[in-house]
């Protein structure tokens, strides 16, 4: 054998050996890093996830901001996305789940909270947050091989950090999956923590028997990774804001159903008067309030107005405050309609903000609130006799308002 051929063979052999060695070392490093996250007794993780989904007829970009703090049995998880902003706080005994924009929360003993409620859309990012550490701790267990890419530097919080780079593909996984995955990890050389991940996958959306192809690119950047830090006990205590509403359960995950507030305090929110000035709903507190959500384009709403007018006439001198909230495009349309029909109560315009507090619902929707701010009646398509009976229960002065037929509901929008 010629010397040149021998050198070539030796070179190929050495290259194969190096590649095998690199593959083994990359997997070993990945296993060691996953173990760091699994062994941590406490941790703090802040991350930003950006996902781009592309199909033949669609392109969608989403960002989620995730913040997780945990100390053994205590935790504080916060997740924000375009679907909503939610938190989960546990002091080890009590667990609070908070829907920030909706100003609502639940409070349960940890033992009772163990059986999780159905995930609301507001909690999608929160679920990602709660699984941050677990996903990193279990990452290596999904793979049987890995490879190094060239080392690099990654800029995090304005600082250049030397990194190992590990590459993973579908063929590296222990278990076969239908999707094609290509994943890259940037790892802090000094602290052996994951600074960034990039995952590209070819997947599909299943619609009955059809599989609609999708390409998904997901970047997760960890701006804070602190394993085994000392954490202040105050992190794990939730003090509800004054305007937050305590619920037994959150409404279901479907977007079209409204939250029924009967038996609960009316949330505090702003409404706009005829001149566009903001009025706080709790400014009426001290007297019972009847609230009618309606629109001129909603036939059942218009049909219900004469019944409401009679109730208004029967109860206004007894102290009942009557207000309506219209959902028309222009406030003047509703005001003109009420004026022409001889309806003399105060009308306010709902430009969409009220749904954040009362939930999306069909109209007409009627709420009766007692003088302390507690909702005693909340119905879409009210029954007049039922409503009159509830008004009569407000006090002896309302006893004469009692009894008189129902209206059918209108859709959420035109």
Protein backbone atom coordinates (compact mmCIF):
# COMPACT_ATOMS: atom_id res chain seq x y z
CA UNK A 1 0.00 0.00 0.00
CA UNK A 2 1.28 3.43 -0.92
CA UNK A 3 2.13 5.82 1.87
CA UNK A 4 -0.38 8.40 0.58
CA UNK A 5 -3.18 5.80 0.75
CA UNK A 6 -2.13 4.82 4.28
CA UNK A 7 -2.13 8.46 5.39
CA UNK A 8 -5.57 8.93 3.85
CA UNK A 9 -6.97 5.87 5.63
CA UNK A 10 -5.40 6.89 8.92
CA UNK A 11 -6.85 10.36 8.44
CA UNK A 12 -10.34 9.01 7.81
CA UNK A 13 -10.03 6.70 10.81
CA UNK A 14 -8.92 9.56 13.05
CA UNK A 15 -11.73 11.76 11.74
CA UNK A 16 -14.32 9.06 12.45
CA UNK A 17 -12.89 8.55 15.93
CA UNK A 18 -13.00 12.29 16.63
CA UNK A 19 -16.57 12.49 15.38
CA UNK A 20 -17.57 9.57 17.60
CA UNK A 21 -15.76 11.13 20.55
CA UNK A 22 -17.43 14.49 19.94
CA UNK A 23 -20.83 12.84 19.74
CA UNK A 24 -20.23 11.06 23.06
CA UNK A 25 -18.93 14.23 24.73
CA UNK A 26 -21.86 16.32 23.46
CA UNK A 27 -24.40 13.88 24.89
CA UNK A 28 -22.45 13.65 28.15
CA UNK A 29 -22.46 17.44 28.47
CA UNK A 30 -26.17 17.57 27.72
CA UNK A 31 -26.86 14.92 30.36
CA UNK A 32 -24.79 16.79 32.91
CA UNK A 33 -26.62 20.05 32.20
CA UNK A 34 -30.05 18.44 32.48
CA UNK A 35 -28.95 17.03 35.83
CA UNK A 36 -28.06 20.55 37.05
CA UNK A 37 -31.67 21.61 36.52
CA UNK A 38 -33.07 18.39 38.00
CA UNK A 39 -30.93 18.69 41.17
CA UNK A 40 -31.65 22.37 41.87
CA UNK A 41 -33.51 22.83 45.16
CA UNK A 42 -34.43 26.38 44.18
CA UNK A 43 -34.18 28.30 40.93
CA UNK A 44 -35.06 31.47 39.07
CA UNK A 45 -35.64 31.40 35.30
CA UNK A 46 -36.67 34.30 33.04
CA UNK A 47 -37.18 33.52 29.36
CA UNK A 48 -38.64 34.93 26.18
CA UNK A 49 -40.14 32.47 23.70
CA UNK A 50 -40.70 33.55 20.09
CA UNK A 51 -42.52 31.22 17.72
CA UNK A 52 -43.11 31.64 13.98
CA UNK A 53 -45.57 29.27 12.31
CA UNK A 54 -45.70 29.16 8.50
CA UNK A 55 -48.09 27.31 6.22
CA UNK A 56 -49.02 27.65 2.58
CA UNK A 57 -51.75 30.14 3.46
CA UNK A 58 -50.73 31.35 6.89
CA UNK A 59 -47.92 33.05 8.76
CA UNK A 60 -48.12 33.68 12.50
CA UNK A 61 -45.64 35.12 15.03
CA UNK A 62 -46.10 34.91 18.80
CA UNK A 63 -44.06 35.97 21.81
CA UNK A 64 -44.41 34.73 25.38
CA UNK A 65 -42.67 36.24 28.40
CA UNK A 66 -42.04 33.62 31.09
CA UNK A 67 -40.81 34.03 34.68
CA UNK A 68 -40.45 31.10 37.08
CA UNK A 69 -39.25 31.10 40.70
CA UNK A 70 -39.39 27.97 42.85
CA UNK A 71 -38.09 26.99 46.26
CA UNK A 72 -38.93 23.38 47.07
CA UNK A 73 -42.71 23.34 47.68
CA UNK A 74 -43.17 27.09 47.04
CA UNK A 75 -43.37 28.74 43.63
CA UNK A 76 -44.27 31.87 41.68
CA UNK A 77 -44.96 31.45 37.97
CA UNK A 78 -45.87 34.30 35.60
CA UNK A 79 -46.69 33.97 31.90
CA UNK A 80 -47.67 36.65 29.38
CA UNK A 81 -48.71 36.19 25.77
CA UNK A 82 -51.22 37.58 23.29
CA UNK A 83 -53.76 35.25 24.92
CA UNK A 84 -53.46 36.91 28.32
CA UNK A 85 -51.40 37.44 31.46
CA UNK A 86 -51.66 34.94 34.31
CA UNK A 87 -49.82 34.09 37.53
CA UNK A 88 -49.70 31.15 39.91
CA UNK A 89 -48.36 31.70 43.43
CA UNK A 90 -48.00 29.09 46.15
CA UNK A 91 -46.64 29.48 49.70
CA UNK A 92 -46.70 25.73 50.19
CA UNK A 93 -50.12 25.77 51.86
CA UNK A 94 -52.27 28.03 49.69
CA UNK A 95 -52.20 28.39 45.90
CA UNK A 96 -53.50 31.46 44.07
CA UNK A 97 -54.11 31.57 40.31
CA UNK A 98 -54.52 35.10 38.97
CA UNK A 99 -55.86 36.34 35.62
CA UNK A 100 -54.21 39.75 35.66
CA UNK A 101 -56.10 41.59 32.91
CA UNK A 102 -59.44 40.17 34.06
CA UNK A 103 -58.80 41.25 37.68
CA UNK A 104 -59.91 37.82 38.92
CA UNK A 105 -58.25 35.08 40.97
CA UNK A 106 -58.88 31.78 42.71
CA UNK A 107 -57.55 30.68 46.10
CA UNK A 108 -57.29 27.05 47.14
CA UNK A 109 -55.38 24.83 49.52
CA UNK A 110 -52.45 23.19 47.73
CA UNK A 111 -53.96 19.76 48.40
CA UNK A 112 -57.18 20.80 46.62
CA UNK A 113 -55.36 22.64 43.82
CA UNK A 114 -53.48 19.45 42.89
CA UNK A 115 -56.39 18.48 40.64
CA UNK A 116 -55.91 21.25 38.08
CA UNK A 117 -58.82 23.07 36.46
CA UNK A 118 -59.27 23.10 32.70
CA UNK A 119 -56.68 25.45 31.22
CA UNK A 120 -58.10 28.82 30.25
CA UNK A 121 -56.64 30.65 27.23
CA UNK A 122 -55.24 33.29 29.60
CA UNK A 123 -53.09 30.55 31.15
CA UNK A 124 -51.34 29.19 28.03
CA UNK A 125 -48.11 31.10 28.75
CA UNK A 126 -48.44 30.28 32.45
CA UNK A 127 -48.40 26.56 31.62
CA UNK A 128 -45.19 27.05 29.63
CA UNK A 129 -43.66 28.84 32.61
CA UNK A 130 -44.60 26.09 35.04
CA UNK A 131 -42.86 23.54 32.76
CA UNK A 132 -39.66 25.53 32.08
CA UNK A 133 -37.38 23.80 34.58
CA UNK A 134 -38.98 20.38 34.01
CA UNK A 135 -38.41 20.58 30.24
CA UNK A 136 -34.71 21.42 30.71
CA UNK A 137 -34.28 18.72 33.37
CA UNK A 138 -35.79 16.08 31.05
CA UNK A 139 -34.17 17.24 27.80
CA UNK A 140 -31.21 14.84 27.74
CA UNK A 141 -33.37 11.81 28.52
CA UNK A 142 -35.08 12.15 25.11
CA UNK A 143 -31.85 11.72 23.11
CA UNK A 144 -29.42 8.90 22.43
CA UNK A 145 -26.85 11.06 20.62
CA UNK A 146 -25.83 14.68 20.02
CA UNK A 147 -23.09 16.59 18.25
CA UNK A 148 -21.01 19.69 18.87
CA UNK A 149 -21.09 22.66 16.53
CA UNK A 150 -18.25 25.22 16.66
CA UNK A 151 -18.04 27.21 19.90
CA UNK A 152 -19.27 30.80 19.79
CA UNK A 153 -20.14 33.82 21.92
CA UNK A 154 -23.73 34.80 22.71
CA UNK A 155 -24.84 38.25 23.79
CA UNK A 156 -27.16 38.10 26.82
CA UNK A 157 -28.12 41.25 28.75
CA UNK A 158 -25.42 43.18 26.89
CA UNK A 159 -22.66 40.72 27.86
CA UNK A 160 -20.78 38.35 25.52
CA UNK A 161 -20.75 34.84 27.00
CA UNK A 162 -18.52 32.01 25.61
CA UNK A 163 -20.71 29.07 24.63
CA UNK A 164 -20.62 25.43 23.70
CA UNK A 165 -23.11 24.73 20.91
CA UNK A 166 -24.94 21.39 20.70
CA UNK A 167 -26.99 20.21 17.73
CA UNK A 168 -29.84 17.69 17.94
CA UNK A 169 -32.02 16.20 15.21
CA UNK A 170 -34.87 13.75 14.91
CA UNK A 171 -32.43 10.87 14.30
CA UNK A 172 -30.80 11.60 17.68
CA UNK A 173 -34.04 10.95 19.57
CA UNK A 174 -34.62 7.70 21.41
CA UNK A 175 -38.26 7.49 20.36
CA UNK A 176 -39.44 8.02 16.80
CA UNK A 177 -41.79 10.94 16.20
CA UNK A 178 -43.74 12.02 13.11
CA UNK A 179 -42.41 15.59 13.12
CA UNK A 180 -38.95 16.45 11.79
CA UNK A 181 -37.00 18.39 14.42
CA UNK A 182 -33.72 20.28 14.21
CA UNK A 183 -32.60 21.81 17.53
CA UNK A 184 -29.60 23.92 18.56
CA UNK A 185 -28.58 24.72 22.14
CA UNK A 186 -26.21 27.50 23.28
CA UNK A 187 -24.62 26.59 26.63
CA UNK A 188 -22.71 28.85 29.02
CA UNK A 189 -19.22 27.29 29.21
CA UNK A 190 -18.58 28.48 32.77
CA UNK A 191 -21.90 27.81 34.50
CA UNK A 192 -23.09 24.98 32.23
CA UNK A 193 -26.59 26.41 31.87
CA UNK A 194 -28.65 26.79 28.72
CA UNK A 195 -28.74 30.36 27.40
CA UNK A 196 -30.71 29.87 24.21
CA UNK A 197 -32.49 27.20 22.18
CA UNK A 198 -33.61 27.19 18.57
CA UNK A 199 -35.97 24.49 17.34
CA UNK A 200 -37.15 24.11 13.74
CA UNK A 201 -39.79 21.50 13.05
CA UNK A 202 -41.80 20.28 10.08
CA UNK A 203 -45.15 19.28 11.48
CA UNK A 204 -48.84 19.47 10.61
CA UNK A 205 -52.25 20.46 11.89
CA UNK A 206 -54.75 17.57 11.84
CA UNK A 207 -58.21 18.59 10.67
CA UNK A 208 -60.30 15.42 10.62
CA UNK A 209 -58.53 13.13 8.09
CA UNK A 210 -56.47 15.94 6.54
CA UNK A 211 -52.91 16.82 7.62
CA UNK A 212 -52.13 20.49 6.87
CA UNK A 213 -48.32 21.02 6.77
CA UNK A 214 -46.72 23.64 9.04
CA UNK A 215 -43.15 24.80 9.60
CA UNK A 216 -42.55 26.00 13.15
CA UNK A 217 -39.46 27.90 14.36
CA UNK A 218 -39.17 28.47 18.12
CA UNK A 219 -36.46 30.53 19.84
CA UNK A 220 -36.20 30.60 23.64
CA UNK A 221 -33.72 33.02 25.22
CA UNK A 222 -32.97 32.78 28.97
CA UNK A 223 -32.13 36.24 30.30
CA UNK A 224 -31.89 34.93 33.89
CA UNK A 225 -30.79 31.48 35.03
CA UNK A 226 -30.01 31.14 38.72
CA UNK A 227 -29.83 27.65 40.23
CA UNK A 228 -29.99 27.22 44.01
CA UNK A 229 -30.35 30.92 44.90
CA UNK A 230 -31.56 32.28 48.25
CA UNK A 231 -35.13 33.46 47.67
CA UNK A 232 -37.14 35.91 49.77
CA UNK A 233 -40.26 34.35 51.39
CA UNK A 234 -42.32 37.37 50.26
CA UNK A 235 -42.04 36.14 46.66
CA UNK A 236 -44.49 33.38 47.51
CA UNK A 237 -47.26 35.48 49.03
CA UNK A 238 -50.09 36.99 46.98
CA UNK A 239 -51.97 40.04 48.26
CA UNK A 240 -55.00 40.68 46.00
CA UNK A 241 -55.38 44.22 44.61
CA UNK A 242 -58.46 46.11 45.80
CA UNK A 243 -60.22 45.64 42.43
CA UNK A 244 -59.51 41.88 42.15
CA UNK A 245 -62.49 39.50 42.20
CA UNK A 246 -62.21 36.16 44.06
CA UNK A 247 -63.83 33.31 42.09
CA UNK A 248 -64.60 29.73 43.04
CA UNK A 249 -63.53 28.66 39.53
CA UNK A 250 -62.55 30.39 36.31
CA UNK A 251 -64.94 30.12 33.36
CA UNK A 252 -64.22 27.42 30.80
CA UNK A 253 -61.61 27.74 28.04
CA UNK A 254 -64.05 28.54 25.25
CA UNK A 255 -64.03 32.18 24.24
CA UNK A 256 -67.76 32.76 23.72
CA UNK A 257 -69.14 32.09 27.18
CA UNK A 258 -69.50 34.90 29.68
CA UNK A 259 -68.60 34.70 33.31
CA UNK A 260 -71.74 34.70 35.48
CA UNK A 261 -71.27 37.02 38.42
CA UNK A 262 -74.40 36.16 40.39
CA UNK A 263 -73.36 35.83 44.04
CA UNK A 264 -70.06 37.71 43.48
CA UNK A 265 -68.92 41.28 43.78
CA UNK A 266 -69.21 43.34 40.61
CA UNK A 267 -65.72 44.01 39.17
CA UNK A 268 -64.62 47.63 39.12
CA UNK A 269 -64.30 49.03 35.59
CA UNK A 270 -64.64 52.27 33.64
CA UNK A 271 -67.55 53.24 31.42
CA UNK A 272 -67.92 56.31 29.18
CA UNK A 273 -70.77 58.80 29.37
CA UNK A 274 -72.41 60.69 26.50
CA UNK A 275 -69.56 63.22 26.42
CA UNK A 276 -66.83 60.56 26.39
CA UNK A 277 -65.84 61.14 30.01
CA UNK A 278 -64.87 58.07 32.05
CA UNK A 279 -66.95 57.03 35.04
CA UNK A 280 -65.99 54.29 37.50
CA UNK A 281 -68.78 51.75 37.95
CA UNK A 282 -68.24 51.70 41.72
CA UNK A 283 -69.16 55.40 41.87
CA UNK A 284 -72.80 54.19 41.98
CA UNK A 285 -72.17 52.01 45.03
CA UNK A 286 -74.41 52.72 47.99
CA UNK A 287 -77.58 52.19 45.94
CA UNK A 288 -78.79 49.11 44.01
CA UNK A 289 -77.99 49.24 40.28
CA UNK A 290 -79.73 47.64 37.31
CA UNK A 291 -77.33 47.34 34.33
CA UNK A 292 -78.59 46.55 30.83
CA UNK A 293 -76.08 45.59 28.07
CA UNK A 294 -77.69 46.20 24.69
CA UNK A 295 -77.35 47.56 21.11
CA UNK A 296 -79.73 49.14 18.62
CA UNK A 297 -78.84 46.45 16.03
CA UNK A 298 -79.91 43.67 18.44
CA UNK A 299 -83.65 42.96 17.91
CA UNK A 300 -84.18 41.16 21.28
CA UNK A 301 -82.49 44.10 23.03
CA UNK A 302 -84.86 46.59 21.41
CA UNK A 303 -87.87 44.35 22.16
CA UNK A 304 -86.86 44.24 25.85
CA UNK A 305 -86.67 48.04 26.24
CA UNK A 306 -90.41 48.62 26.92
CA UNK A 307 -90.30 46.02 29.74
CA UNK A 308 -87.21 47.68 31.19
CA UNK A 309 -88.91 51.07 30.87
CA UNK A 310 -91.81 49.86 33.00
CA UNK A 311 -89.43 48.40 35.61
CA UNK A 312 -87.55 51.70 35.60
CA UNK A 313 -90.79 53.64 36.17
CA UNK A 314 -91.81 51.29 39.00
CA UNK A 315 -88.46 51.32 40.84
CA UNK A 316 -86.63 54.60 40.16
CA UNK A 317 -88.32 56.56 42.94
CA UNK A 318 -87.48 53.83 45.42
CA UNK A 319 -83.73 54.34 44.94
CA UNK A 320 -82.81 51.88 42.16
CA UNK A 321 -80.15 53.27 39.80
CA UNK A 322 -80.79 52.22 36.19
CA UNK A 323 -78.01 52.41 33.58
CA UNK A 324 -77.55 50.88 30.14
CA UNK A 325 -74.33 50.08 28.28
CA UNK A 326 -74.62 50.09 24.49
CA UNK A 327 -72.44 48.16 22.06
CA UNK A 328 -73.15 50.27 19.00
CA UNK A 329 -70.27 51.47 16.84
CA UNK A 330 -71.11 55.13 17.57
CA UNK A 331 -72.45 56.30 20.97
CA UNK A 332 -74.80 58.85 19.34
CA UNK A 333 -76.78 56.08 17.62
CA UNK A 334 -77.84 54.54 20.93
CA UNK A 335 -78.44 57.91 22.59
CA UNK A 336 -80.70 59.06 19.75
CA UNK A 337 -82.67 55.81 19.84
CA UNK A 338 -83.27 56.05 23.60
CA UNK A 339 -84.20 59.72 23.38
CA UNK A 340 -86.71 59.14 20.58
CA UNK A 341 -88.28 56.23 22.50
CA UNK A 342 -88.67 58.22 25.71
CA UNK A 343 -86.18 56.12 27.70
CA UNK A 344 -84.83 58.50 30.34
CA UNK A 345 -82.21 56.48 32.19
CA UNK A 346 -78.46 57.10 31.87
CA UNK A 347 -76.80 55.37 28.93
CA UNK A 348 -73.05 54.69 28.69
CA UNK A 349 -71.05 53.45 25.73
CA UNK A 350 -69.13 50.16 25.83
CA UNK A 351 -66.24 50.36 23.36
CA UNK A 352 -65.11 46.81 24.16
CA UNK A 353 -63.42 47.28 27.54
CA UNK A 354 -66.38 46.01 29.59
CA UNK A 355 -65.98 42.49 28.16
CA UNK A 356 -62.52 42.28 29.81
CA UNK A 357 -64.26 42.42 33.18
CA UNK A 358 -67.66 40.84 32.55
CA UNK A 359 -66.62 38.42 29.78
CA UNK A 360 -67.93 38.21 26.22
CA UNK A 361 -71.62 37.35 26.11
CA UNK A 362 -74.77 37.53 24.07
CA UNK A 363 -77.09 40.48 24.58
CA UNK A 364 -79.41 41.64 26.02
CA UNK A 365 -77.64 40.89 29.29
CA UNK A 366 -79.01 42.25 32.55
CA UNK A 367 -77.25 42.51 35.91
CA UNK A 368 -78.79 43.56 39.21
CA UNK A 369 -76.32 44.71 41.85
CA UNK A 370 -77.19 45.37 45.48
CA UNK A 371 -76.13 48.47 47.43
CA UNK A 372 -72.94 46.74 48.64
CA UNK A 373 -71.80 45.92 45.09
CA UNK A 374 -72.80 42.23 45.08
CA UNK A 375 -74.39 40.88 41.88
CA UNK A 376 -77.73 39.21 42.72
CA UNK A 377 -78.95 38.65 39.13
CA UNK A 378 -76.97 38.09 35.90
CA UNK A 379 -78.85 36.77 32.87
CA UNK A 380 -78.68 36.87 29.09
CA UNK A 381 -82.29 37.23 27.83
CA UNK A 382 -83.81 38.03 31.19
CA UNK A 383 -87.16 36.77 32.43
CA UNK A 384 -89.15 39.82 33.55
CA UNK A 385 -90.92 38.09 36.44
CA UNK A 386 -87.64 36.66 37.72
CA UNK A 387 -85.94 40.05 37.49
CA UNK A 388 -88.83 41.78 39.28
CA UNK A 389 -88.69 39.18 42.06
CA UNK A 390 -84.98 39.84 42.56
CA UNK A 391 -85.60 43.58 42.71
CA UNK A 392 -88.31 43.00 45.33
CA UNK A 393 -85.74 41.19 47.50
CA UNK A 394 -83.55 44.30 47.68
CA UNK A 395 -85.63 45.66 50.55
CA UNK A 396 -89.19 46.33 51.74
CA UNK A 397 -89.37 49.53 49.72
CA UNK A 398 -89.09 47.42 46.53
CA UNK A 399 -91.79 44.90 47.46
CA UNK A 400 -94.34 46.45 45.13
CA UNK A 401 -92.08 46.06 42.07
CA UNK A 402 -92.76 42.26 41.98
CA UNK A 403 -94.04 40.22 38.94
CA UNK A 404 -94.91 40.64 35.19
CA UNK A 405 -92.37 37.37 30.15
CA UNK A 406 -89.02 36.72 28.63
CA UNK A 407 -86.91 37.84 25.70
CA UNK A 408 -84.75 35.69 23.40
CA UNK A 409 -80.99 36.19 23.32
CA UNK A 410 -79.10 37.95 20.57
CA UNK A 411 -75.70 36.87 19.24
CA UNK A 412 -72.47 38.30 20.68
CA UNK A 413 -72.02 40.56 17.65
CA UNK A 414 -73.93 41.70 14.62
